C-alpha atoms as a PDB file:
ATOM      1  CA  MET A   1     126.243 158.377 163.020  1.00  0.00           C
ATOM      2  CA  SER A   2     124.133 156.179 165.209  1.00  0.00           C
ATOM      3  CA  THR A   3     121.833 153.222 164.885  1.00  0.00           C
ATOM      4  CA  LYS A   4     118.061 153.422 165.044  1.00  0.00           C
ATOM      5  CA  GLN A   5     117.838 150.102 166.867  1.00  0.00           C
ATOM      6  CA  GLY A   6     115.889 150.802 170.063  1.00  0.00           C
ATOM      7  CA  GLN A   7     116.824 154.488 169.672  1.00  0.00           C
ATOM      8  CA  ARG A   8     120.075 153.600 171.480  1.00  0.00           C
ATOM      9  CA  ARG A   9     123.177 155.225 170.170  1.00  0.00           C
ATOM     10  CA  ILE A  10     126.054 152.946 169.409  1.00  0.00           C
ATOM     11  CA  GLU A  11     129.367 154.585 168.706  1.00  0.00           C
ATOM     12  CA  LEU A  12     130.809 153.301 165.469  1.00  0.00           C
ATOM     13  CA  LEU A  13     134.510 152.950 164.867  1.00  0.00           C
ATOM     14  CA  GLN A  14     136.211 156.138 163.794  1.00  0.00           C
ATOM     15  CA  GLY A  15     136.405 156.273 160.040  1.00  0.00           C
ATOM     16  CA  THR A  16     133.342 154.101 159.456  1.00  0.00           C
ATOM     17  CA  LEU A  17     131.247 157.009 158.196  1.00  0.00           C
ATOM     18  CA  ASP A  18     134.118 158.099 155.948  1.00  0.00           C
ATOM     19  CA  LEU A  19     134.222 154.619 154.410  1.00  0.00           C
ATOM     20  CA  LEU A  20     130.440 154.578 153.902  1.00  0.00           C
ATOM     21  CA  ILE A  21     130.508 157.994 152.236  1.00  0.00           C
ATOM     22  CA  LEU A  22     133.316 156.941 149.889  1.00  0.00           C
ATOM     23  CA  ARG A  23     131.424 153.762 149.013  1.00  0.00           C
ATOM     24  CA  THR A  24     128.214 155.686 148.371  1.00  0.00           C
ATOM     25  CA  LEU A  25     129.982 158.182 146.107  1.00  0.00           C
ATOM     26  CA  ARG A  26     131.456 155.334 144.082  1.00  0.00           C
ATOM     27  CA  LEU A  27     128.036 155.159 142.444  1.00  0.00           C
ATOM     28  CA  GLY A  28     128.287 158.781 141.308  1.00  0.00           C
ATOM     29  CA  PRO A  29     128.013 162.360 142.566  1.00  0.00           C
ATOM     30  CA  ALA A  30     125.434 163.123 145.259  1.00  0.00           C
ATOM     31  CA  HIS A  31     124.486 165.932 147.603  1.00  0.00           C
ATOM     32  CA  GLY A  32     124.694 165.534 151.376  1.00  0.00           C
ATOM     33  CA  HIS A  33     121.065 164.586 152.006  1.00  0.00           C
ATOM     34  CA  ALA A  34     121.170 161.973 149.235  1.00  0.00           C
ATOM     35  CA  ILE A  35     124.365 160.479 150.701  1.00  0.00           C
ATOM     36  CA  ALA A  36     122.764 160.187 154.149  1.00  0.00           C
ATOM     37  CA  LYS A  37     119.601 158.595 152.732  1.00  0.00           C
ATOM     38  CA  ALA A  38     121.597 156.134 150.599  1.00  0.00           C
ATOM     39  CA  ILE A  39     123.514 154.955 153.674  1.00  0.00           C
ATOM     40  CA  GLU A  40     120.294 154.639 155.658  1.00  0.00           C
ATOM     41  CA  ARG A  41     118.542 152.688 152.864  1.00  0.00           C
ATOM     42  CA  GLY A  42     121.606 150.536 152.257  1.00  0.00           C
ATOM     43  CA  SER A  43     121.691 149.554 155.936  1.00  0.00           C
ATOM     44  CA  GLU A  44     117.963 148.782 155.883  1.00  0.00           C
ATOM     45  CA  ASP A  45     117.443 151.822 158.142  1.00  0.00           C
ATOM     46  CA  VAL A  46     119.699 150.490 160.893  1.00  0.00           C
ATOM     47  CA  LEU A  47     122.193 153.346 160.517  1.00  0.00           C
ATOM     48  CA  LEU A  48     121.075 156.930 160.998  1.00  0.00           C
ATOM     49  CA  VAL A  49     123.368 159.568 159.507  1.00  0.00           C
ATOM     50  CA  GLU A  50     122.938 162.862 161.308  1.00  0.00           C
ATOM     51  CA  GLN A  51     123.934 166.193 159.798  1.00  0.00           C
ATOM     52  CA  GLY A  52     126.202 166.838 162.764  1.00  0.00           C
ATOM     53  CA  SER A  53     128.271 163.820 161.692  1.00  0.00           C
ATOM     54  CA  LEU A  54     127.832 163.945 157.922  1.00  0.00           C
ATOM     55  CA  TYR A  55     129.079 167.428 157.120  1.00  0.00           C
ATOM     56  CA  PRO A  56     132.235 167.283 159.266  1.00  0.00           C
ATOM     57  CA  ALA A  57     133.028 163.956 157.573  1.00  0.00           C
ATOM     58  CA  LEU A  58     132.505 165.476 154.116  1.00  0.00           C
ATOM     59  CA  HIS A  59     134.818 168.383 155.000  1.00  0.00           C
ATOM     60  CA  ARG A  60     137.426 165.931 156.340  1.00  0.00           C
ATOM     61  CA  LEU A  61     137.295 163.938 153.084  1.00  0.00           C
ATOM     62  CA  ILE A  62     137.636 167.104 151.001  1.00  0.00           C
ATOM     63  CA  LYS A  63     140.650 168.169 153.069  1.00  0.00           C
ATOM     64  CA  ARG A  64     142.279 164.768 152.446  1.00  0.00           C
ATOM     65  CA  GLY A  65     141.653 165.104 148.713  1.00  0.00           C
ATOM     66  CA  TRP A  66     139.451 162.000 148.598  1.00  0.00           C
ATOM     67  CA  ILE A  67     136.350 163.840 147.420  1.00  0.00           C
ATOM     68  CA  THR A  68     135.568 167.149 145.773  1.00  0.00           C
ATOM     69  CA  PHE A  69     132.348 168.975 144.996  1.00  0.00           C
ATOM     70  CA  ASP A  70     130.556 171.040 142.386  1.00  0.00           C
ATOM     71  CA  GLU A  71     127.771 173.523 143.013  1.00  0.00           C
ATOM     72  CA  GLY A  72     124.427 172.608 141.540  1.00  0.00           C
ATOM     73  CA  THR A  73     120.672 172.431 142.026  1.00  0.00           C
ATOM     74  CA  SER A  74     119.026 169.560 143.883  1.00  0.00           C
ATOM     75  CA  GLU A  75     115.893 167.720 142.751  1.00  0.00           C
ATOM     76  CA  ASN A  76     113.785 170.092 144.896  1.00  0.00           C
ATOM     77  CA  ASN A  77     115.325 173.114 143.125  1.00  0.00           C
ATOM     78  CA  ARG A  78     117.640 174.169 145.971  1.00  0.00           C
ATOM     79  CA  ARG A  79     121.316 175.070 145.760  1.00  0.00           C
ATOM     80  CA  ALA A  80     123.442 172.131 146.791  1.00  0.00           C
ATOM     81  CA  LYS A  81     126.977 170.827 146.729  1.00  0.00           C
ATOM     82  CA  PHE A  82     127.326 167.614 144.759  1.00  0.00           C
ATOM     83  CA  TYR A  83     130.185 165.555 146.163  1.00  0.00           C
ATOM     84  CA  ARG A  84     132.170 163.109 144.048  1.00  0.00           C
ATOM     85  CA  LEU A  85     135.120 160.786 144.471  1.00  0.00           C
ATOM     86  CA  THR A  86     138.529 161.812 143.234  1.00  0.00           C
ATOM     87  CA  ALA A  87     141.060 159.334 141.829  1.00  0.00           C
ATOM     88  CA  LYS A  88     142.813 159.497 145.198  1.00  0.00           C
ATOM     89  CA  GLY A  89     139.474 158.742 146.883  1.00  0.00           C
ATOM     90  CA  ARG A  90     138.907 155.665 144.714  1.00  0.00           C
ATOM     91  CA  LYS A  91     142.311 154.315 145.735  1.00  0.00           C
ATOM     92  CA  GLN A  92     141.594 155.104 149.387  1.00  0.00           C
ATOM     93  CA  LEU A  93     138.214 153.369 149.167  1.00  0.00           C
ATOM     94  CA  ALA A  94     139.993 150.151 148.147  1.00  0.00           C
ATOM     95  CA  ILE A  95     142.476 150.531 151.016  1.00  0.00           C
ATOM     96  CA  GLU A  96     139.791 151.298 153.605  1.00  0.00           C
ATOM     97  CA  THR A  97     137.569 148.439 152.393  1.00  0.00           C
ATOM     98  CA  SER A  98     140.467 146.017 152.774  1.00  0.00           C
ATOM     99  CA  LYS A  99     141.187 147.308 156.286  1.00  0.00           C
ATOM    100  CA  TRP A 100     137.502 146.946 157.192  1.00  0.00           C
ATOM    101  CA  ASP A 101     137.367 143.369 155.873  1.00  0.00           C
ATOM    102  CA  THR A 102     140.479 142.461 157.914  1.00  0.00           C
ATOM    103  CA  LEU A 103     139.008 144.022 161.055  1.00  0.00           C
ATOM    104  CA  ALA A 104     135.639 142.296 160.575  1.00  0.00           C
ATOM    105  CA  ARG A 105     137.321 138.892 160.151  1.00  0.00           C
ATOM    106  CA  ALA A 106     139.445 139.440 163.266  1.00  0.00           C
ATOM    107  CA  ILE A 107     136.416 140.395 165.363  1.00  0.00           C
ATOM    108  CA  ALA A 108     134.422 137.449 163.997  1.00  0.00           C
ATOM    109  CA  ARG A 109     137.228 135.069 165.026  1.00  0.00           C
ATOM    110  CA  ILE A 110     136.972 136.352 168.591  1.00  0.00           C
ATOM    111  CA  LEU A 111     133.167 136.419 168.763  1.00  0.00           C
ATOM    112  CA  ARG A 112     132.636 133.040 167.095  1.00  0.00           C
ATOM    113  CA  PRO A 113     135.764 130.938 167.714  1.00  0.00           C
ATOM    114  CA  ALA A 114     133.930 127.627 167.149  1.00  0.00           C
ATOM    115  CA  ALA A 115     132.938 128.686 163.627  1.00  0.00           C
ATOM    116  CA  GLN A 116     136.618 128.935 162.712  1.00  0.00           C
ATOM    117  CA  GLU A 117     137.544 125.400 163.851  1.00  0.00           C
END
């Protein structure tokens, strides 16, 4: 995953894409392309989800038991895998969201120390 800002690639923290996929699937099952587009739209097109990052992340989440998939037909009448959260994935989403919030607060304290005083 990269950002579109100035076409410069910014490496995101490991696990960030996993968290974004889990959050996207909380809304319901979706195929890979729809997941990528939802993340892009949700970030106001700042984040670009490339297939080379998306599909390895989906396979990693399946292996961990956080998501599963069903075969189906996409809106353009093509075979597709529709990914969905498992119960274990819903629990992990809550854990990962909490970790992210803690990390974001810690970084904000360092970047903007005066705002905390």
